[in-house]
Amino acid sequence: MTRSLLQRRLVDASDRLKRLRAELAVTEEQLVFLEDEAEEARMRALVAETPLTDAEARDARRHADALSRHRDALILSTTGLEREQDALLDRMSAELSAR
């Protein structure tokens, strides 16, 4: 692989990693909020003991769980991109050493 192609791929991986990390930070902030909301809804449902509050608590929990799965997917994507970036850097280093 040519050096310029390696550099382009490295820059691309770096840009994607920055975007994923920014999205992950926002998602984690939102998840804290949704987890709090789900817990409050659960407590209201326990106190009120009505079908409506039970449904609201389940709905709030589903939203928090969905965002948690999204966060987990972002973490996996970030980890994969970090591995790709490391491999590209290793390859570039190897090519420079071979010269």
N, C-alpha and C. Protein backbone atom coordinates (compact mmCIF):
# COMPACT_ATOMS: atom_id res chain seq x y z
N MET A 1 0.84 -1.17 0.00
CA MET A 1 0.00 0.00 0.00
C MET A 1 0.89 1.24 0.00
N THR A 2 0.55 2.20 -0.80
CA THR A 2 1.38 3.39 -0.89
C THR A 2 1.23 4.24 0.38
N ARG A 3 2.29 5.02 0.60
CA ARG A 3 2.30 5.85 1.80
C ARG A 3 1.15 6.87 1.81
N SER A 4 0.87 7.46 0.65
CA SER A 4 -0.22 8.45 0.59
C SER A 4 -1.57 7.80 0.86
N LEU A 5 -1.76 6.58 0.39
CA LEU A 5 -3.01 5.86 0.66
C LEU A 5 -3.11 5.54 2.15
N LEU A 6 -2.02 5.11 2.74
CA LEU A 6 -2.01 4.86 4.19
C LEU A 6 -2.34 6.12 4.97
N GLN A 7 -1.77 7.23 4.56
CA GLN A 7 -2.03 8.50 5.24
C GLN A 7 -3.49 8.90 5.11
N ARG A 8 -4.06 8.74 3.92
CA ARG A 8 -5.48 9.08 3.73
C ARG A 8 -6.37 8.20 4.59
N ARG A 9 -6.06 6.91 4.62
CA ARG A 9 -6.86 6.00 5.44
C ARG A 9 -6.72 6.33 6.92
N LEU A 10 -5.52 6.72 7.33
CA LEU A 10 -5.28 7.08 8.72
C LEU A 10 -6.05 8.36 9.09
N VAL A 11 -6.03 9.34 8.21
CA VAL A 11 -6.78 10.58 8.46
C VAL A 11 -8.28 10.29 8.51
N ASP A 12 -8.75 9.45 7.60
CA ASP A 12 -10.17 9.08 7.59
C ASP A 12 -10.56 8.38 8.88
N ALA A 13 -9.75 7.43 9.31
CA ALA A 13 -10.03 6.71 10.56
C ALA A 13 -10.03 7.67 11.75
N SER A 14 -9.10 8.59 11.74
CA SER A 14 -9.02 9.58 12.82
C SER A 14 -10.26 10.47 12.85
N ASP A 15 -10.71 10.91 11.70
CA ASP A 15 -11.91 11.76 11.62
C ASP A 15 -13.15 10.99 12.10
N ARG A 16 -13.28 9.76 11.64
CA ARG A 16 -14.42 8.95 12.08
C ARG A 16 -14.38 8.71 13.57
N LEU A 17 -13.18 8.49 14.11
CA LEU A 17 -13.02 8.26 15.55
C LEU A 17 -13.42 9.50 16.35
N LYS A 18 -13.05 10.67 15.88
CA LYS A 18 -13.44 11.91 16.56
C LYS A 18 -14.96 12.05 16.59
N ARG A 19 -15.60 11.78 15.45
CA ARG A 19 -17.06 11.88 15.39
C ARG A 19 -17.73 10.88 16.32
N LEU A 20 -17.22 9.65 16.32
CA LEU A 20 -17.80 8.63 17.19
C LEU A 20 -17.62 8.98 18.67
N ARG A 21 -16.46 9.49 19.02
CA ARG A 21 -16.23 9.87 20.42
C ARG A 21 -17.14 11.01 20.84
N ALA A 22 -17.37 11.97 19.95
CA ALA A 22 -18.28 13.07 20.26
C ALA A 22 -19.71 12.55 20.43
N GLU A 23 -20.13 11.65 19.55
CA GLU A 23 -21.47 11.07 19.65
C GLU A 23 -21.58 10.24 20.92
N LEU A 24 -20.53 9.53 21.27
CA LEU A 24 -20.53 8.73 22.50
C LEU A 24 -20.67 9.61 23.73
N ALA A 25 -19.99 10.74 23.76
CA ALA A 25 -20.08 11.65 24.90
C ALA A 25 -21.51 12.17 25.06
N VAL A 26 -22.14 12.55 23.96
CA VAL A 26 -23.52 13.04 24.01
C VAL A 26 -24.45 11.92 24.46
N THR A 27 -24.25 10.74 23.92
CA THR A 27 -25.10 9.60 24.25
C THR A 27 -24.99 9.26 25.74
N GLU A 28 -23.79 9.31 26.28
CA GLU A 28 -23.62 9.00 27.69
C GLU A 28 -24.32 10.03 28.58
N GLU A 29 -24.27 11.30 28.19
CA GLU A 29 -25.00 12.33 28.94
C GLU A 29 -26.51 12.08 28.87
N GLN A 30 -27.00 11.76 27.70
CA GLN A 30 -28.43 11.49 27.54
C GLN A 30 -28.84 10.25 28.33
N LEU A 31 -27.97 9.26 28.35
CA LEU A 31 -28.28 8.03 29.06
C LEU A 31 -28.42 8.28 30.56
N VAL A 32 -27.57 9.11 31.12
CA VAL A 32 -27.69 9.44 32.54
C VAL A 32 -29.07 10.04 32.82
N PHE A 33 -29.49 10.96 31.96
CA PHE A 33 -30.79 11.59 32.12
C PHE A 33 -31.91 10.56 32.01
N LEU A 34 -31.86 9.70 30.98
CA LEU A 34 -32.93 8.71 30.78
C LEU A 34 -32.95 7.67 31.90
N GLU A 35 -31.78 7.30 32.41
CA GLU A 35 -31.75 6.36 33.53
C GLU A 35 -32.43 6.97 34.76
N ASP A 36 -32.16 8.25 35.01
CA ASP A 36 -32.81 8.95 36.13
C ASP A 36 -34.33 9.01 35.92
N GLU A 37 -34.73 9.33 34.71
CA GLU A 37 -36.16 9.39 34.40
C GLU A 37 -36.82 8.03 34.58
N ALA A 38 -36.16 6.98 34.14
CA ALA A 38 -36.72 5.63 34.28
C ALA A 38 -36.85 5.24 35.74
N GLU A 39 -35.87 5.60 36.55
CA GLU A 39 -35.93 5.29 37.97
C GLU A 39 -37.05 6.07 38.65
N GLU A 40 -37.19 7.35 38.31
CA GLU A 40 -38.28 8.15 38.87
C GLU A 40 -39.64 7.59 38.46
N ALA A 41 -39.77 7.18 37.22
CA ALA A 41 -41.03 6.60 36.74
C ALA A 41 -41.32 5.29 37.47
N ARG A 42 -40.29 4.51 37.73
CA ARG A 42 -40.47 3.25 38.46
C ARG A 42 -40.97 3.52 39.88
N MET A 43 -40.38 4.53 40.51
CA MET A 43 -40.80 4.87 41.87
C MET A 43 -42.25 5.39 41.89
N ARG A 44 -42.61 6.22 40.90
CA ARG A 44 -44.00 6.71 40.82
C ARG A 44 -44.96 5.54 40.62
N ALA A 45 -44.55 4.57 39.81
CA ALA A 45 -45.40 3.42 39.56
C ALA A 45 -45.58 2.58 40.83
N LEU A 46 -44.53 2.46 41.61
CA LEU A 46 -44.63 1.71 42.87
C LEU A 46 -45.58 2.39 43.84
N VAL A 47 -45.50 3.70 43.91
CA VAL A 47 -46.34 4.45 44.84
C VAL A 47 -47.80 4.50 44.36
N ALA A 48 -47.99 4.80 43.09
CA ALA A 48 -49.34 4.99 42.56
C ALA A 48 -50.07 3.68 42.34
N GLU A 49 -49.37 2.66 41.95
CA GLU A 49 -49.95 1.34 41.67
C GLU A 49 -51.12 1.43 40.70
N THR A 50 -50.93 2.17 39.59
CA THR A 50 -51.97 2.25 38.56
C THR A 50 -51.40 1.71 37.25
N PRO A 51 -52.28 1.23 36.39
CA PRO A 51 -51.81 0.73 35.09
C PRO A 51 -51.10 1.80 34.27
N LEU A 52 -51.55 3.04 34.36
CA LEU A 52 -50.93 4.12 33.60
C LEU A 52 -49.49 4.37 34.05
N THR A 53 -49.26 4.44 35.35
CA THR A 53 -47.89 4.68 35.82
C THR A 53 -47.00 3.48 35.55
N ASP A 54 -47.58 2.27 35.59
CA ASP A 54 -46.79 1.09 35.21
C ASP A 54 -46.36 1.16 33.76
N ALA A 55 -47.27 1.56 32.88
CA ALA A 55 -46.95 1.68 31.45
C ALA A 55 -45.90 2.77 31.23
N GLU A 56 -46.02 3.87 31.93
CA GLU A 56 -45.03 4.95 31.80
C GLU A 56 -43.66 4.48 32.26
N ALA A 57 -43.62 3.72 33.34
CA ALA A 57 -42.34 3.20 33.84
C ALA A 57 -41.72 2.23 32.84
N ARG A 58 -42.53 1.34 32.28
CA ARG A 58 -42.01 0.40 31.27
C ARG A 58 -41.49 1.14 30.05
N ASP A 59 -42.24 2.16 29.61
CA ASP A 59 -41.84 2.94 28.45
C ASP A 59 -40.52 3.67 28.72
N ALA A 60 -40.40 4.27 29.87
CA ALA A 60 -39.16 4.98 30.23
C ALA A 60 -37.98 4.00 30.28
N ARG A 61 -38.20 2.80 30.81
CA ARG A 61 -37.15 1.79 30.88
C ARG A 61 -36.74 1.34 29.49
N ARG A 62 -37.73 1.17 28.60
CA ARG A 62 -37.42 0.76 27.21
C ARG A 62 -36.55 1.79 26.52
N HIS A 63 -36.87 3.06 26.72
CA HIS A 63 -36.07 4.13 26.11
C HIS A 63 -34.64 4.12 26.65
N ALA A 64 -34.50 3.97 27.95
CA ALA A 64 -33.17 3.94 28.56
C ALA A 64 -32.38 2.71 28.06
N ASP A 65 -33.06 1.58 27.96
CA ASP A 65 -32.39 0.37 27.49
C ASP A 65 -31.96 0.49 26.03
N ALA A 66 -32.80 1.11 25.21
CA ALA A 66 -32.45 1.31 23.79
C ALA A 66 -31.24 2.22 23.66
N LEU A 67 -31.20 3.28 24.45
CA LEU A 67 -30.05 4.19 24.38
C LEU A 67 -28.80 3.51 24.92
N SER A 68 -28.97 2.64 25.90
CA SER A 68 -27.83 1.89 26.42
C SER A 68 -27.25 0.96 25.35
N ARG A 69 -28.12 0.32 24.59
CA ARG A 69 -27.65 -0.53 23.48
C ARG A 69 -26.93 0.30 22.42
N HIS A 70 -27.46 1.49 22.15
CA HIS A 70 -26.82 2.38 21.19
C HIS A 70 -25.42 2.79 21.68
N ARG A 71 -25.32 3.10 22.96
CA ARG A 71 -24.02 3.45 23.55
C ARG A 71 -23.04 2.28 23.42
N ASP A 72 -23.52 1.07 23.69
CA ASP A 72 -22.67 -0.11 23.57
C ASP A 72 -22.18 -0.30 22.14
N ALA A 73 -23.05 -0.04 21.16
CA ALA A 73 -22.66 -0.15 19.75
C ALA A 73 -21.61 0.91 19.41
N LEU A 74 -21.77 2.11 19.95
CA LEU A 74 -20.77 3.16 19.71
C LEU A 74 -19.43 2.77 20.31
N ILE A 75 -19.45 2.18 21.48
CA ILE A 75 -18.20 1.74 22.12
C ILE A 75 -17.51 0.68 21.26
N LEU A 76 -18.29 -0.27 20.74
CA LEU A 76 -17.72 -1.31 19.87
C LEU A 76 -17.13 -0.69 18.60
N SER A 77 -17.85 0.26 18.02
CA SER A 77 -17.35 0.92 16.81
C SER A 77 -16.07 1.69 17.09
N THR A 78 -16.03 2.37 18.22
CA THR A 78 -14.84 3.12 18.61
C THR A 78 -13.66 2.18 18.80
N THR A 79 -13.89 1.08 19.46
CA THR A 79 -12.82 0.10 19.68
C THR A 79 -12.30 -0.45 18.35
N GLY A 80 -13.22 -0.75 17.44
CA GLY A 80 -12.82 -1.24 16.12
C GLY A 80 -12.00 -0.22 15.34
N LEU A 81 -12.42 1.03 15.41
CA LEU A 81 -11.67 2.08 14.71
C LEU A 81 -10.30 2.31 15.34
N GLU A 82 -10.22 2.20 16.66
CA GLU A 82 -8.91 2.34 17.32
C GLU A 82 -7.97 1.22 16.87
N ARG A 83 -8.51 0.01 16.74
CA ARG A 83 -7.69 -1.11 16.25
C ARG A 83 -7.24 -0.86 14.81
N GLU A 84 -8.16 -0.38 13.98
CA GLU A 84 -7.81 -0.08 12.59
C GLU A 84 -6.73 1.00 12.53
N GLN A 85 -6.88 2.02 13.34
CA GLN A 85 -5.91 3.10 13.38
C GLN A 85 -4.54 2.57 13.83
N ASP A 86 -4.52 1.73 14.84
CA ASP A 86 -3.27 1.15 15.31
C ASP A 86 -2.61 0.30 14.22
N ALA A 87 -3.42 -0.48 13.51
CA ALA A 87 -2.87 -1.31 12.44
C ALA A 87 -2.29 -0.45 11.32
N LEU A 88 -2.97 0.62 10.98
CA LEU A 88 -2.46 1.53 9.95
C LEU A 88 -1.15 2.18 10.40
N LEU A 89 -1.09 2.59 11.66
CA LEU A 89 0.14 3.19 12.17
C LEU A 89 1.28 2.18 12.18
N ASP A 90 0.98 0.94 12.57
CA ASP A 90 2.00 -0.11 12.55
C ASP A 90 2.51 -0.35 11.14
N ARG A 91 1.57 -0.36 10.20
CA ARG A 91 1.95 -0.59 8.80
C ARG A 91 2.81 0.55 8.27
N MET A 92 2.43 1.77 8.63
CA MET A 92 3.19 2.93 8.18
C MET A 92 4.59 2.91 8.80
N SER A 93 4.66 2.56 10.06
CA SER A 93 5.94 2.49 10.76
C SER A 93 6.84 1.42 10.14
N ALA A 94 6.25 0.28 9.81
CA ALA A 94 7.00 -0.81 9.19
C ALA A 94 7.54 -0.38 7.83
N GLU A 95 6.72 0.34 7.06
CA GLU A 95 7.17 0.79 5.75
C GLU A 95 8.30 1.82 5.87
N LEU A 96 8.18 2.68 6.87
CA LEU A 96 9.25 3.67 7.07
C LEU A 96 10.54 3.01 7.55
N SER A 97 10.41 1.99 8.36
CA SER A 97 11.59 1.27 8.86
C SER A 97 12.28 0.49 7.75
N ALA A 98 11.50 0.03 6.79
CA ALA A 98 12.05 -0.78 5.70
C ALA A 98 12.88 0.06 4.73
N ARG A 99 12.72 1.34 4.78
CA ARG A 99 13.46 2.22 3.84
C ARG A 99 14.85 2.45 4.29
